[in-house]
Amino acid sequence: MEDTLIQHNSIPYPYVVHVDESDRVLGIEEKIKAHREALLHRAFSVFLFNENGEMLLQRRALSKYHSPGLWTNAVCSHPYIHESYQEAAKRRLNEELGIQVDLKPSFHFIYKADVGEGLWEHELDHVFTGIYAGDCKANPEEVMAVRYINIKDLTTEITNQPESFTVWFKIILDNYINLL
């Protein structure tokens, strides 16, 4: 099994790391298969805040194969097989937003959510937080817009327009708020 995992390490996309609830690696799966079959896999999410405590949101590019055009947290994605959650989060911040930020672990949890069109997110999600107030150089293949918003206005907007936000972001945000 380990030889197979190493072989796939050089081809990280479109694969995800399939795990059990204790984060033990079960194998590598194609990303689309994991999302169609609701296989539990590793993921991370990043919440970034400016000096005023406002959260950075990104609007997903319309070319994304699920949840296109929806608002979500700064970055969320999947680590490669031999990459830590934190390394992966920093890599994706650079790839999607063109930024580098010090991150600190906040919490992790497992969730399962229907994202439509026969696709599921079933993730062991590690959530990181950081402070960032500079400009973003958004990758247009990933991100169509960014903005900052305070938590109170964000929760009001989600209540009034839940269809404008990714399913996982709403779940992760609820968990984050409950920790405050």
N, C-alpha and C. Protein backbone atom coordinates (compact mmCIF):
# COMPACT_ATOMS: atom_id res chain seq x y z
N MET A 1 0.82 -1.19 0.00
CA MET A 1 0.00 0.00 0.00
C MET A 1 0.87 1.25 0.00
N GLU A 2 1.91 1.32 0.81
CA GLU A 2 2.75 2.52 0.90
C GLU A 2 3.38 2.87 -0.44
N ASP A 3 3.81 1.86 -1.23
CA ASP A 3 4.38 2.15 -2.54
C ASP A 3 3.36 2.86 -3.44
N THR A 4 2.11 2.42 -3.38
CA THR A 4 1.05 3.05 -4.16
C THR A 4 0.87 4.49 -3.73
N LEU A 5 0.90 4.75 -2.43
CA LEU A 5 0.71 6.11 -1.92
C LEU A 5 1.85 7.01 -2.37
N ILE A 6 3.06 6.52 -2.34
CA ILE A 6 4.20 7.32 -2.77
C ILE A 6 4.11 7.61 -4.26
N GLN A 7 3.72 6.62 -5.04
CA GLN A 7 3.59 6.81 -6.47
C GLN A 7 2.59 7.93 -6.77
N HIS A 8 1.47 7.97 -6.07
CA HIS A 8 0.47 8.99 -6.31
C HIS A 8 0.88 10.35 -5.76
N ASN A 9 1.88 10.39 -4.88
CA ASN A 9 2.31 11.67 -4.31
C ASN A 9 2.79 12.62 -5.40
N SER A 10 3.34 12.09 -6.48
CA SER A 10 3.82 12.95 -7.56
C SER A 10 2.67 13.44 -8.44
N ILE A 11 1.50 12.87 -8.28
CA ILE A 11 0.32 13.30 -9.03
C ILE A 11 -0.78 13.62 -8.01
N PRO A 12 -0.65 14.75 -7.29
CA PRO A 12 -1.56 15.02 -6.19
C PRO A 12 -2.99 15.35 -6.61
N TYR A 13 -3.17 15.89 -7.77
CA TYR A 13 -4.50 16.24 -8.22
C TYR A 13 -4.84 15.38 -9.40
N PRO A 14 -5.97 14.83 -9.52
CA PRO A 14 -7.19 15.05 -8.75
C PRO A 14 -7.44 13.97 -7.70
N TYR A 15 -6.49 13.72 -6.84
CA TYR A 15 -6.63 12.71 -5.81
C TYR A 15 -6.81 13.34 -4.43
N VAL A 16 -7.47 12.59 -3.54
CA VAL A 16 -7.58 12.98 -2.14
C VAL A 16 -7.12 11.81 -1.29
N VAL A 17 -6.79 12.10 -0.04
CA VAL A 17 -6.33 11.07 0.89
C VAL A 17 -7.55 10.53 1.63
N HIS A 18 -7.89 9.29 1.35
CA HIS A 18 -9.02 8.60 1.98
C HIS A 18 -8.58 8.12 3.36
N VAL A 19 -9.33 8.46 4.41
CA VAL A 19 -8.96 8.13 5.78
C VAL A 19 -10.14 7.56 6.55
N ASP A 20 -9.83 6.96 7.71
CA ASP A 20 -10.89 6.58 8.62
C ASP A 20 -11.10 7.72 9.62
N GLU A 21 -12.01 7.54 10.58
CA GLU A 21 -12.33 8.61 11.52
C GLU A 21 -11.19 8.95 12.46
N SER A 22 -10.17 8.09 12.54
CA SER A 22 -8.98 8.38 13.35
C SER A 22 -7.84 8.96 12.52
N ASP A 23 -8.13 9.31 11.28
CA ASP A 23 -7.16 9.90 10.35
C ASP A 23 -6.09 8.91 9.91
N ARG A 24 -6.40 7.62 9.96
CA ARG A 24 -5.49 6.61 9.41
C ARG A 24 -5.75 6.50 7.92
N VAL A 25 -4.68 6.53 7.14
CA VAL A 25 -4.79 6.50 5.68
C VAL A 25 -5.29 5.14 5.21
N LEU A 26 -6.35 5.17 4.41
CA LEU A 26 -6.89 3.96 3.80
C LEU A 26 -6.46 3.83 2.35
N GLY A 27 -6.04 4.94 1.78
CA GLY A 27 -5.59 4.92 0.39
C GLY A 27 -5.74 6.29 -0.24
N ILE A 28 -5.53 6.30 -1.54
CA ILE A 28 -5.70 7.50 -2.35
C ILE A 28 -6.89 7.24 -3.26
N GLU A 29 -7.77 8.21 -3.37
CA GLU A 29 -8.93 8.07 -4.24
C GLU A 29 -9.00 9.27 -5.19
N GLU A 30 -9.55 9.03 -6.35
CA GLU A 30 -9.80 10.15 -7.25
C GLU A 30 -10.77 11.10 -6.56
N LYS A 31 -10.51 12.37 -6.67
CA LYS A 31 -11.33 13.38 -6.00
C LYS A 31 -12.80 13.24 -6.38
N ILE A 32 -13.09 13.08 -7.65
CA ILE A 32 -14.49 12.99 -8.08
C ILE A 32 -15.15 11.74 -7.51
N LYS A 33 -14.42 10.62 -7.43
CA LYS A 33 -14.98 9.40 -6.84
C LYS A 33 -15.28 9.61 -5.36
N ALA A 34 -14.36 10.24 -4.64
CA ALA A 34 -14.57 10.51 -3.22
C ALA A 34 -15.81 11.37 -3.02
N HIS A 35 -16.03 12.33 -3.91
CA HIS A 35 -17.18 13.21 -3.78
C HIS A 35 -18.47 12.53 -4.23
N ARG A 36 -18.40 11.63 -5.16
CA ARG A 36 -19.61 10.90 -5.59
C ARG A 36 -20.02 9.85 -4.56
N GLU A 37 -19.04 9.20 -3.94
CA GLU A 37 -19.33 8.09 -3.01
C GLU A 37 -19.29 8.52 -1.55
N ALA A 38 -19.11 9.79 -1.29
CA ALA A 38 -19.08 10.34 0.08
C ALA A 38 -18.03 9.64 0.94
N LEU A 39 -16.84 9.42 0.36
CA LEU A 39 -15.75 8.79 1.09
C LEU A 39 -15.09 9.82 2.01
N LEU A 40 -14.84 9.43 3.24
CA LEU A 40 -14.19 10.33 4.19
C LEU A 40 -12.76 10.60 3.71
N HIS A 41 -12.40 11.88 3.64
CA HIS A 41 -11.06 12.24 3.18
C HIS A 41 -10.56 13.47 3.92
N ARG A 42 -9.24 13.67 3.86
CA ARG A 42 -8.59 14.80 4.53
C ARG A 42 -8.93 16.10 3.81
N ALA A 43 -9.10 17.13 4.64
CA ALA A 43 -9.35 18.47 4.11
C ALA A 43 -8.86 19.50 5.12
N PHE A 44 -8.79 20.73 4.67
CA PHE A 44 -8.46 21.83 5.57
C PHE A 44 -9.25 23.05 5.14
N SER A 45 -9.45 23.94 6.08
CA SER A 45 -10.13 25.20 5.83
C SER A 45 -9.37 26.30 6.54
N VAL A 46 -9.31 27.48 5.91
CA VAL A 46 -8.61 28.62 6.50
C VAL A 46 -9.58 29.78 6.66
N PHE A 47 -9.59 30.33 7.86
CA PHE A 47 -10.32 31.56 8.16
C PHE A 47 -9.29 32.65 8.38
N LEU A 48 -9.32 33.68 7.55
CA LEU A 48 -8.42 34.82 7.70
C LEU A 48 -9.21 36.04 8.14
N PHE A 49 -8.59 36.85 8.99
CA PHE A 49 -9.21 38.05 9.52
C PHE A 49 -8.27 39.23 9.34
N ASN A 50 -8.84 40.42 9.12
CA ASN A 50 -8.01 41.62 9.10
C ASN A 50 -7.90 42.19 10.51
N GLU A 51 -7.23 43.33 10.66
CA GLU A 51 -6.99 43.91 11.99
C GLU A 51 -8.29 44.37 12.65
N ASN A 52 -9.38 44.50 11.89
CA ASN A 52 -10.68 44.89 12.44
C ASN A 52 -11.53 43.69 12.82
N GLY A 53 -10.98 42.49 12.66
CA GLY A 53 -11.73 41.28 12.98
C GLY A 53 -12.69 40.84 11.89
N GLU A 54 -12.58 41.45 10.71
CA GLU A 54 -13.45 41.05 9.60
C GLU A 54 -12.86 39.83 8.91
N MET A 55 -13.73 38.95 8.46
CA MET A 55 -13.32 37.70 7.81
C MET A 55 -13.17 37.89 6.31
N LEU A 56 -12.10 37.31 5.76
CA LEU A 56 -11.89 37.31 4.31
C LEU A 56 -12.69 36.17 3.70
N LEU A 57 -13.52 36.51 2.73
CA LEU A 57 -14.28 35.51 1.98
C LEU A 57 -13.81 35.51 0.54
N GLN A 58 -13.92 34.35 -0.09
CA GLN A 58 -13.68 34.27 -1.52
C GLN A 58 -14.94 33.75 -2.19
N ARG A 59 -15.16 34.22 -3.40
CA ARG A 59 -16.24 33.69 -4.23
C ARG A 59 -15.61 32.74 -5.23
N ARG A 60 -16.07 31.50 -5.20
CA ARG A 60 -15.50 30.46 -6.05
C ARG A 60 -15.72 30.76 -7.53
N ALA A 61 -14.72 30.43 -8.32
CA ALA A 61 -14.81 30.63 -9.77
C ALA A 61 -15.98 29.85 -10.35
N LEU A 62 -16.54 30.36 -11.42
CA LEU A 62 -17.67 29.70 -12.07
C LEU A 62 -17.26 28.39 -12.73
N SER A 63 -15.97 28.19 -12.96
CA SER A 63 -15.50 26.96 -13.60
C SER A 63 -15.35 25.79 -12.62
N LYS A 64 -15.54 26.00 -11.32
CA LYS A 64 -15.41 24.92 -10.34
C LYS A 64 -16.49 23.87 -10.60
N TYR A 65 -16.15 22.58 -10.44
CA TYR A 65 -17.10 21.55 -10.80
C TYR A 65 -18.23 21.36 -9.79
N HIS A 66 -18.07 21.88 -8.59
CA HIS A 66 -19.23 21.96 -7.70
C HIS A 66 -19.16 23.26 -6.90
N SER A 67 -20.31 23.73 -6.53
CA SER A 67 -20.46 24.97 -5.76
C SER A 67 -19.82 26.19 -6.45
N PRO A 68 -19.94 26.30 -7.79
CA PRO A 68 -19.35 27.46 -8.47
C PRO A 68 -20.08 28.74 -8.11
N GLY A 69 -19.34 29.83 -8.03
CA GLY A 69 -19.92 31.14 -7.81
C GLY A 69 -20.42 31.40 -6.40
N LEU A 70 -20.18 30.48 -5.49
CA LEU A 70 -20.65 30.66 -4.11
C LEU A 70 -19.54 31.25 -3.24
N TRP A 71 -19.95 31.99 -2.23
CA TRP A 71 -19.02 32.56 -1.26
C TRP A 71 -18.62 31.50 -0.25
N THR A 72 -17.36 31.56 0.17
CA THR A 72 -16.84 30.60 1.13
C THR A 72 -15.67 31.24 1.89
N ASN A 73 -15.09 30.48 2.79
CA ASN A 73 -13.95 30.98 3.57
C ASN A 73 -12.74 31.21 2.66
N ALA A 74 -11.69 31.81 3.23
CA ALA A 74 -10.52 32.23 2.45
C ALA A 74 -10.01 31.12 1.55
N VAL A 75 -9.81 29.93 2.11
CA VAL A 75 -9.31 28.79 1.34
C VAL A 75 -9.81 27.50 1.99
N CYS A 76 -10.13 26.54 1.16
CA CYS A 76 -10.43 25.18 1.63
C CYS A 76 -10.02 24.23 0.52
N SER A 77 -9.40 23.13 0.90
CA SER A 77 -8.92 22.19 -0.10
C SER A 77 -8.49 20.90 0.59
N HIS A 78 -7.59 20.16 -0.08
CA HIS A 78 -7.15 18.85 0.39
C HIS A 78 -5.62 18.76 0.40
N PRO A 79 -5.04 18.19 1.45
CA PRO A 79 -3.58 18.00 1.46
C PRO A 79 -3.17 16.84 0.58
N TYR A 80 -1.94 16.91 0.11
CA TYR A 80 -1.35 15.78 -0.59
C TYR A 80 -1.00 14.70 0.44
N ILE A 81 -0.70 13.51 -0.03
CA ILE A 81 -0.49 12.36 0.86
C ILE A 81 0.62 12.59 1.89
N HIS A 82 1.74 13.16 1.52
CA HIS A 82 2.85 13.34 2.46
C HIS A 82 3.02 14.80 2.86
N GLU A 83 1.92 15.51 2.94
CA GLU A 83 1.92 16.92 3.28
C GLU A 83 1.07 17.11 4.53
N SER A 84 1.55 17.90 5.47
CA SER A 84 0.76 18.17 6.67
C SER A 84 -0.42 19.06 6.30
N TYR A 85 -1.41 19.06 7.17
CA TYR A 85 -2.57 19.93 6.95
C TYR A 85 -2.12 21.39 6.86
N GLN A 86 -1.23 21.81 7.74
CA GLN A 86 -0.79 23.20 7.77
C GLN A 86 0.03 23.56 6.53
N GLU A 87 0.91 22.66 6.09
CA GLU A 87 1.67 22.90 4.86
C GLU A 87 0.72 23.06 3.68
N ALA A 88 -0.30 22.22 3.63
CA ALA A 88 -1.27 22.28 2.54
C ALA A 88 -2.05 23.59 2.56
N ALA A 89 -2.43 24.03 3.75
CA ALA A 89 -3.18 25.28 3.87
C ALA A 89 -2.35 26.45 3.38
N LYS A 90 -1.08 26.49 3.76
CA LYS A 90 -0.20 27.57 3.31
C LYS A 90 0.01 27.51 1.80
N ARG A 91 0.16 26.30 1.26
CA ARG A 91 0.34 26.13 -0.20
C ARG A 91 -0.87 26.69 -0.95
N ARG A 92 -2.08 26.32 -0.49
CA ARG A 92 -3.28 26.75 -1.20
C ARG A 92 -3.55 28.25 -1.05
N LEU A 93 -3.18 28.84 0.08
CA LEU A 93 -3.30 30.29 0.21
C LEU A 93 -2.50 30.99 -0.88
N ASN A 94 -1.31 30.48 -1.14
CA ASN A 94 -0.47 31.05 -2.18
C ASN A 94 -1.05 30.75 -3.57
N GLU A 95 -1.48 29.52 -3.80
CA GLU A 95 -1.99 29.14 -5.12
C GLU A 95 -3.29 29.85 -5.47
N GLU A 96 -4.19 30.03 -4.50
CA GLU A 96 -5.49 30.62 -4.78
C GLU A 96 -5.52 32.14 -4.63
N LEU A 97 -4.85 32.66 -3.59
CA LEU A 97 -4.94 34.08 -3.29
C LEU A 97 -3.63 34.84 -3.44
N GLY A 98 -2.54 34.11 -3.71
CA GLY A 98 -1.25 34.76 -3.89
C GLY A 98 -0.71 35.40 -2.63
N ILE A 99 -1.00 34.80 -1.48
CA ILE A 99 -0.56 35.38 -0.21
C ILE A 99 0.14 34.34 0.66
N GLN A 100 0.93 34.85 1.60
CA GLN A 100 1.59 34.01 2.61
C GLN A 100 1.21 34.55 3.98
N VAL A 101 0.78 33.64 4.85
CA VAL A 101 0.27 34.03 6.16
C VAL A 101 0.69 32.99 7.19
N ASP A 102 1.03 33.44 8.39
CA ASP A 102 1.23 32.51 9.50
C ASP A 102 -0.14 32.02 9.95
N LEU A 103 -0.25 30.72 10.09
CA LEU A 103 -1.52 30.11 10.48
C LEU A 103 -1.39 29.39 11.80
N LYS A 104 -2.48 29.36 12.55
CA LYS A 104 -2.49 28.57 13.77
C LYS A 104 -3.67 27.62 13.72
N PRO A 105 -3.46 26.39 14.21
CA PRO A 105 -4.57 25.42 14.23
C PRO A 105 -5.67 25.92 15.17
N SER A 106 -6.91 25.72 14.76
CA SER A 106 -8.04 26.14 15.59
C SER A 106 -8.80 24.94 16.12
N PHE A 107 -9.27 24.06 15.23
CA PHE A 107 -9.98 22.84 15.63
C PHE A 107 -10.07 21.93 14.42
N HIS A 108 -10.51 20.71 14.66
CA HIS A 108 -10.80 19.81 13.55
C HIS A 108 -12.05 19.00 13.90
N PHE A 109 -12.72 18.55 12.86
CA PHE A 109 -13.95 17.80 13.04
C PHE A 109 -14.29 17.06 11.75
N ILE A 110 -15.27 16.18 11.82
CA ILE A 110 -15.73 15.44 10.65
C ILE A 110 -17.14 15.91 10.32
N TYR A 111 -17.38 16.12 9.06
CA TYR A 111 -18.74 16.46 8.62
C TYR A 111 -19.03 15.77 7.29
N LYS A 112 -20.32 15.68 6.99
CA LYS A 112 -20.78 15.11 5.73
C LYS A 112 -21.91 16.01 5.23
N ALA A 113 -21.79 16.47 3.98
CA ALA A 113 -22.78 17.40 3.44
C ALA A 113 -23.01 17.16 1.95
N ASP A 114 -24.26 17.20 1.56
CA ASP A 114 -24.67 17.10 0.17
C ASP A 114 -24.39 18.44 -0.51
N VAL A 115 -23.56 18.45 -1.55
CA VAL A 115 -23.26 19.70 -2.26
C VAL A 115 -23.98 19.78 -3.61
N GLY A 116 -24.91 18.88 -3.83
CA GLY A 116 -25.73 18.92 -5.04
C GLY A 116 -25.16 18.10 -6.18
N GLU A 117 -26.02 17.81 -7.13
CA GLU A 117 -25.67 17.09 -8.34
C GLU A 117 -25.01 15.74 -8.06
N GLY A 118 -25.47 15.06 -7.00
CA GLY A 118 -24.94 13.75 -6.66
C GLY A 118 -23.57 13.76 -6.03
N LEU A 119 -23.12 14.91 -5.54
CA LEU A 119 -21.79 15.04 -4.95
C LEU A 119 -21.90 15.34 -3.45
N TRP A 120 -20.91 14.82 -2.71
CA TRP A 120 -20.87 14.97 -1.25
C TRP A 120 -19.50 15.44 -0.81
N GLU A 121 -19.49 16.20 0.26
CA GLU A 121 -18.26 16.46 1.00
C GLU A 121 -18.37 15.64 2.27
N HIS A 122 -17.43 14.76 2.48
CA HIS A 122 -17.33 13.98 3.72
C HIS A 122 -15.88 14.09 4.14
N GLU A 123 -15.63 15.01 5.06
CA GLU A 123 -14.25 15.41 5.31
C GLU A 123 -13.88 15.39 6.78
N LEU A 124 -12.63 15.01 7.00
CA LEU A 124 -11.96 15.25 8.27
C LEU A 124 -11.25 16.58 8.05
N ASP A 125 -11.84 17.64 8.57
CA ASP A 125 -11.44 19.00 8.23
C ASP A 125 -10.67 19.64 9.37
N HIS A 126 -9.44 20.08 9.07
CA HIS A 126 -8.62 20.82 10.03
C HIS A 126 -8.76 22.30 9.69
N VAL A 127 -9.18 23.10 10.67
CA VAL A 127 -9.44 24.51 10.47
C VAL A 127 -8.30 25.33 11.06
N PHE A 128 -7.80 26.27 10.27
CA PHE A 128 -6.70 27.16 10.67
C PHE A 128 -7.20 28.60 10.61
N THR A 129 -6.59 29.45 11.44
CA THR A 129 -6.90 30.87 11.42
C THR A 129 -5.62 31.67 11.26
N GLY A 130 -5.78 32.88 10.74
CA GLY A 130 -4.65 33.77 10.58
C GLY A 130 -5.12 35.20 10.41
N ILE A 131 -4.15 36.11 10.49
CA ILE A 131 -4.41 37.54 10.31
C ILE A 131 -3.77 37.98 9.00
N TYR A 132 -4.56 38.68 8.18
CA TYR A 132 -4.03 39.17 6.91
C TYR A 132 -4.79 40.42 6.52
N ALA A 133 -4.08 41.46 6.14
CA ALA A 133 -4.73 42.71 5.77
C ALA A 133 -4.23 43.27 4.44
N GLY A 134 -3.41 42.53 3.74
CA GLY A 134 -2.86 43.04 2.48
C GLY A 134 -3.75 42.74 1.29
N ASP A 135 -3.20 42.98 0.12
CA ASP A 135 -3.91 42.70 -1.12
C ASP A 135 -3.81 41.22 -1.46
N CYS A 136 -4.80 40.74 -2.20
CA CYS A 136 -4.79 39.37 -2.70
C CYS A 136 -4.57 39.40 -4.21
N LYS A 137 -3.85 38.42 -4.70
CA LYS A 137 -3.68 38.24 -6.14
C LYS A 137 -4.41 36.96 -6.52
N ALA A 138 -5.74 37.05 -6.55
CA ALA A 138 -6.59 35.88 -6.74
C ALA A 138 -6.33 35.20 -8.08
N ASN A 139 -6.20 33.89 -8.05
CA ASN A 139 -6.07 33.06 -9.24
C ASN A 139 -7.46 32.94 -9.86
N PRO A 140 -7.68 33.48 -11.06
CA PRO A 140 -9.02 33.48 -11.65
C PRO A 140 -9.57 32.09 -11.97
N GLU A 141 -8.72 31.08 -12.01
CA GLU A 141 -9.21 29.71 -12.20
C GLU A 141 -9.84 29.17 -10.93
N GLU A 142 -9.55 29.80 -9.80
CA GLU A 142 -10.05 29.35 -8.51
C GLU A 142 -11.04 30.32 -7.87
N VAL A 143 -10.77 31.63 -8.03
CA VAL A 143 -11.47 32.66 -7.27
C VAL A 143 -11.94 33.77 -8.20
N MET A 144 -13.20 34.18 -8.05
CA MET A 144 -13.69 35.28 -8.89
C MET A 144 -13.80 36.60 -8.13
N ALA A 145 -13.78 36.56 -6.78
CA ALA A 145 -13.84 37.79 -6.00
C ALA A 145 -13.43 37.49 -4.57
N VAL A 146 -12.99 38.52 -3.87
CA VAL A 146 -12.71 38.43 -2.43
C VAL A 146 -13.31 39.65 -1.75
N ARG A 147 -13.62 39.50 -0.48
CA ARG A 147 -14.13 40.62 0.31
C ARG A 147 -13.96 40.31 1.79
N TYR A 148 -13.98 41.36 2.60
CA TYR A 148 -13.98 41.23 4.05
C TYR A 148 -15.38 41.56 4.58
N ILE A 149 -15.78 40.88 5.65
CA ILE A 149 -17.09 41.12 6.27
C ILE A 149 -16.99 40.79 7.75
N ASN A 150 -17.70 41.56 8.59
CA ASN A 150 -17.68 41.23 10.02
C ASN A 150 -18.63 40.05 10.28
N ILE A 151 -18.40 39.34 11.34
CA ILE A 151 -19.14 38.11 11.63
C ILE A 151 -20.64 38.37 11.78
N LYS A 152 -21.01 39.47 12.42
CA LYS A 152 -22.44 39.77 12.61
C LYS A 152 -23.13 39.94 11.25
N ASP A 153 -22.54 40.74 10.38
CA ASP A 153 -23.12 40.94 9.05
C ASP A 153 -23.10 39.65 8.23
N LEU A 154 -22.06 38.86 8.40
CA LEU A 154 -21.96 37.59 7.70
C LEU A 154 -23.08 36.65 8.12
N THR A 155 -23.31 36.50 9.41
CA THR A 155 -24.37 35.59 9.86
C THR A 155 -25.75 36.07 9.39
N THR A 156 -25.95 37.38 9.36
CA THR A 156 -27.21 37.92 8.83
C THR A 156 -27.35 37.60 7.35
N GLU A 157 -26.27 37.79 6.60
CA GLU A 157 -26.31 37.51 5.16
C GLU A 157 -26.57 36.02 4.90
N ILE A 158 -25.95 35.15 5.68
CA ILE A 158 -26.18 33.71 5.51
C ILE A 158 -27.62 33.36 5.83
N THR A 159 -28.18 33.97 6.86
CA THR A 159 -29.59 33.72 7.22
C THR A 159 -30.52 34.17 6.09
N ASN A 160 -30.23 35.32 5.50
CA ASN A 160 -31.10 35.88 4.46
C ASN A 160 -30.85 35.30 3.07
N GLN A 161 -29.63 34.84 2.80
CA GLN A 161 -29.28 34.32 1.48
C GLN A 161 -28.42 33.06 1.60
N PRO A 162 -28.93 32.00 2.23
CA PRO A 162 -28.09 30.81 2.45
C PRO A 162 -27.60 30.16 1.16
N GLU A 163 -28.34 30.34 0.08
CA GLU A 163 -27.97 29.74 -1.20
C GLU A 163 -26.74 30.40 -1.82
N SER A 164 -26.29 31.53 -1.28
CA SER A 164 -25.12 32.24 -1.80
C SER A 164 -23.80 31.75 -1.22
N PHE A 165 -23.87 30.79 -0.28
CA PHE A 165 -22.68 30.31 0.43
C PHE A 165 -22.54 28.80 0.28
N THR A 166 -21.28 28.34 0.32
CA THR A 166 -21.05 26.90 0.23
C THR A 166 -21.60 26.22 1.47
N VAL A 167 -22.04 25.00 1.28
CA VAL A 167 -22.60 24.20 2.37
C VAL A 167 -21.57 24.03 3.47
N TRP A 168 -20.34 23.67 3.10
CA TRP A 168 -19.33 23.40 4.12
C TRP A 168 -18.95 24.64 4.91
N PHE A 169 -18.93 25.79 4.25
CA PHE A 169 -18.59 27.02 4.97
C PHE A 169 -19.59 27.30 6.08
N LYS A 170 -20.87 27.11 5.80
CA LYS A 170 -21.90 27.34 6.82
C LYS A 170 -21.71 26.39 8.01
N ILE A 171 -21.35 25.15 7.73
CA ILE A 171 -21.12 24.17 8.80
C ILE A 171 -19.88 24.54 9.62
N ILE A 172 -18.80 24.86 8.93
CA ILE A 172 -17.54 25.19 9.62
C ILE A 172 -17.71 26.48 10.42
N LEU A 173 -18.38 27.47 9.85
CA LEU A 173 -18.59 28.74 10.55
C LEU A 173 -19.39 28.51 11.84
N ASP A 174 -20.44 27.69 11.77
CA ASP A 174 -21.21 27.39 12.99
C ASP A 174 -20.31 26.79 14.06
N ASN A 175 -19.46 25.85 13.67
CA ASN A 175 -18.54 25.23 14.62
C ASN A 175 -17.57 26.27 15.19
N TYR A 176 -17.07 27.16 14.34
CA TYR A 176 -16.14 28.18 14.77
C TYR A 176 -16.79 29.13 15.77
N ILE A 177 -17.98 29.59 15.44
CA ILE A 177 -18.72 30.53 16.32
C ILE A 177 -18.99 29.89 17.67
N ASN A 178 -19.31 28.59 17.67
CA ASN A 178 -19.58 27.89 18.94
C ASN A 178 -18.35 27.81 19.83
N LEU A 179 -17.16 27.94 19.26
CA LEU A 179 -15.93 27.92 20.05
C LEU A 179 -15.58 29.28 20.64
N LEU A 180 -16.17 30.35 20.10
CA LEU A 180 -15.86 31.70 20.57
C LEU A 180 -16.40 31.96 21.97
